[in-house]
C-alpha atoms as a PDB file:
ATOM      1  CA  MET A   1      -1.365   0.076 -32.842  1.00  0.00           C
ATOM      2  CA  LYS A   2      -3.277   1.113 -29.966  1.00  0.00           C
ATOM      3  CA  VAL A   3      -3.048  -0.539 -26.395  1.00  0.00           C
ATOM      4  CA  THR A   4      -4.404  -0.280 -23.109  1.00  0.00           C
ATOM      5  CA  ILE A   5      -1.928  -0.707 -20.630  1.00  0.00           C
ATOM      6  CA  PRO A   6      -1.862   0.868 -17.308  1.00  0.00           C
ATOM      7  CA  VAL A   7       1.399   2.506 -16.131  1.00  0.00           C
ATOM      8  CA  TRP A   8       1.726   0.010 -13.637  1.00  0.00           C
ATOM      9  CA  LYS A   9       2.056  -2.648 -15.114  1.00  0.00           C
ATOM     10  CA  LEU A  10       4.139  -1.052 -17.874  1.00  0.00           C
ATOM     11  CA  VAL A  11       6.328  -0.359 -14.441  1.00  0.00           C
ATOM     12  CA  ASP A  12       6.459  -4.427 -13.714  1.00  0.00           C
ATOM     13  CA  MET A  13       7.244  -5.078 -17.317  1.00  0.00           C
ATOM     14  CA  TYR A  14      10.135  -2.395 -17.034  1.00  0.00           C
ATOM     15  CA  LYS A  15      11.884  -3.896 -13.855  1.00  0.00           C
ATOM     16  CA  GLY A  16      11.269  -7.097 -14.684  1.00  0.00           C
ATOM     17  CA  LYS A  17      13.194  -6.384 -17.908  1.00  0.00           C
ATOM     18  CA  TYR A  18      16.079  -4.208 -16.330  1.00  0.00           C
ATOM     19  CA  PRO A  19      15.801  -5.616 -12.310  1.00  0.00           C
ATOM     20  CA  TYR A  20      19.167  -2.775 -11.967  1.00  0.00           C
ATOM     21  CA  GLY A  21      17.210  -0.238 -14.121  1.00  0.00           C
ATOM     22  CA  HIS A  22      16.820   3.575 -12.491  1.00  0.00           C
ATOM     23  CA  PHE A  23      14.291   4.885 -14.789  1.00  0.00           C
ATOM     24  CA  PHE A  24      10.890   4.103 -12.258  1.00  0.00           C
ATOM     25  CA  ASP A  25      13.041   3.832  -8.952  1.00  0.00           C
ATOM     26  CA  ASP A  26      11.549   6.007  -5.979  1.00  0.00           C
ATOM     27  CA  LYS A  27      14.337   8.156  -5.172  1.00  0.00           C
ATOM     28  CA  THR A  28      14.771   9.266  -9.778  1.00  0.00           C
ATOM     29  CA  LEU A  29      11.491  10.019  -9.328  1.00  0.00           C
ATOM     30  CA  LYS A  30      11.595  12.442  -6.436  1.00  0.00           C
ATOM     31  CA  PHE A  31      14.613  14.341  -7.925  1.00  0.00           C
ATOM     32  CA  PHE A  32      12.276  15.054 -10.765  1.00  0.00           C
ATOM     33  CA  GLY A  33       9.475  15.602  -8.841  1.00  0.00           C
ATOM     34  CA  GLU A  34       7.033  12.661 -10.285  1.00  0.00           C
ATOM     35  CA  ARG A  35       4.982  10.248  -9.293  1.00  0.00           C
ATOM     36  CA  LEU A  36       3.319   7.613 -10.841  1.00  0.00           C
ATOM     37  CA  SER A  37      -0.263   8.861  -9.778  1.00  0.00           C
ATOM     38  CA  ASP A  38       0.992  11.480 -12.106  1.00  0.00           C
ATOM     39  CA  MET A  39       1.811   9.120 -14.976  1.00  0.00           C
ATOM     40  CA  ARG A  40      -0.492   7.694 -18.156  1.00  0.00           C
ATOM     41  CA  VAL A  41       0.182   5.149 -20.866  1.00  0.00           C
ATOM     42  CA  LEU A  42      -1.289   6.955 -23.786  1.00  0.00           C
ATOM     43  CA  SER A  43      -3.526   4.643 -26.150  1.00  0.00           C
ATOM     44  CA  ASN A  44      -0.845   4.567 -29.306  1.00  0.00           C
ATOM     45  CA  THR A  45       1.817   3.309 -29.627  1.00  0.00           C
ATOM     46  CA  GLU A  46       3.966   5.747 -31.996  1.00  0.00           C
ATOM     47  CA  THR A  47       6.744   4.807 -33.811  1.00  0.00           C
ATOM     48  CA  VAL A  48      10.099   7.275 -32.667  1.00  0.00           C
ATOM     49  CA  LYS A  49      14.070   6.999 -34.489  1.00  0.00           C
ATOM     50  CA  ASP A  50      16.684   7.509 -31.859  1.00  0.00           C
ATOM     51  CA  CYS A  51      19.604   9.609 -32.007  1.00  0.00           C
ATOM     52  CA  GLN A  52      21.211   6.314 -33.992  1.00  0.00           C
ATOM     53  CA  GLY A  53      18.649   7.138 -36.429  1.00  0.00           C
ATOM     54  CA  GLU A  54      16.872   2.948 -35.519  1.00  0.00           C
ATOM     55  CA  THR A  55      13.347   4.017 -35.651  1.00  0.00           C
ATOM     56  CA  HIS A  56      11.922   1.785 -32.778  1.00  0.00           C
ATOM     57  CA  GLU A  57       7.802   1.084 -32.162  1.00  0.00           C
ATOM     58  CA  CYS A  58       7.193   2.303 -28.331  1.00  0.00           C
ATOM     59  CA  TYR A  59       4.869   2.845 -25.688  1.00  0.00           C
ATOM     60  CA  VAL A  60       4.890   6.321 -25.373  1.00  0.00           C
ATOM     61  CA  LEU A  61       4.856   7.204 -21.005  1.00  0.00           C
ATOM     62  CA  SER A  62       3.201  11.542 -20.454  1.00  0.00           C
ATOM     63  CA  ARG A  63       4.536  12.560 -16.931  1.00  0.00           C
ATOM     64  CA  LEU A  64       4.642  16.352 -15.109  1.00  0.00           C
ATOM     65  CA  GLN A  65       7.977  17.487 -14.304  1.00  0.00           C
ATOM     66  CA  ARG A  66       6.804  19.352 -11.137  1.00  0.00           C
ATOM     67  CA  LYS A  67      10.390  20.507  -9.904  1.00  0.00           C
ATOM     68  CA  HIS A  68      11.150  21.771 -13.660  1.00  0.00           C
ATOM     69  CA  PRO A  69      12.876  24.829 -13.519  1.00  0.00           C
ATOM     70  CA  ALA A  70      10.338  26.954 -15.412  1.00  0.00           C
ATOM     71  CA  GLY A  71       7.508  24.883 -13.469  1.00  0.00           C
ATOM     72  CA  PRO A  72       5.559  21.897 -14.156  1.00  0.00           C
ATOM     73  CA  ARG A  73       5.384  20.971 -17.599  1.00  0.00           C
ATOM     74  CA  ARG A  74       4.294  17.408 -19.341  1.00  0.00           C
ATOM     75  CA  THR A  75       7.116  15.709 -20.757  1.00  0.00           C
ATOM     76  CA  TYR A  76       6.939  12.299 -22.758  1.00  0.00           C
ATOM     77  CA  ALA A  77       9.462   9.562 -22.443  1.00  0.00           C
ATOM     78  CA  TYR A  78       9.358   6.487 -24.987  1.00  0.00           C
ATOM     79  CA  PHE A  79       9.835   2.849 -24.783  1.00  0.00           C
ATOM     80  CA  ASP A  80      10.288   0.368 -26.949  1.00  0.00           C
ATOM     81  CA  VAL A  81       7.331  -2.748 -27.331  1.00  0.00           C
ATOM     82  CA  GLU A  82       9.382  -5.305 -27.385  1.00  0.00           C
ATOM     83  CA  THR A  83      12.701  -4.663 -25.574  1.00  0.00           C
ATOM     84  CA  LEU A  84      11.231  -2.045 -23.111  1.00  0.00           C
ATOM     85  CA  GLU A  85      14.589   0.060 -23.867  1.00  0.00           C
ATOM     86  CA  HIS A  86      13.967   3.551 -22.794  1.00  0.00           C
ATOM     87  CA  ILE A  87      14.205   5.420 -26.490  1.00  0.00           C
ATOM     88  CA  ALA A  88      15.984   8.884 -26.371  1.00  0.00           C
ATOM     89  CA  GLY A  89      15.780  10.870 -29.497  1.00  0.00           C
END
């Protein structure tokens, strides 16, 4: 499914749904060397299977991890479209 959503809106929706969630906290982002300005929500959702074998339709967050041991690298995080739960594959 094609979506157009800015990263700040995803952060607001996530914090509204999970007020005690730490995924977008300043200290968490700093620990991984990430910045909201380096993040983008990709324009297509993806169907992702989690570790329990359930499938989820997800927003894809592209982020740059600057403090990765092998040097900066681009990683992806998946958030369920309905629940905004972070999906770990």
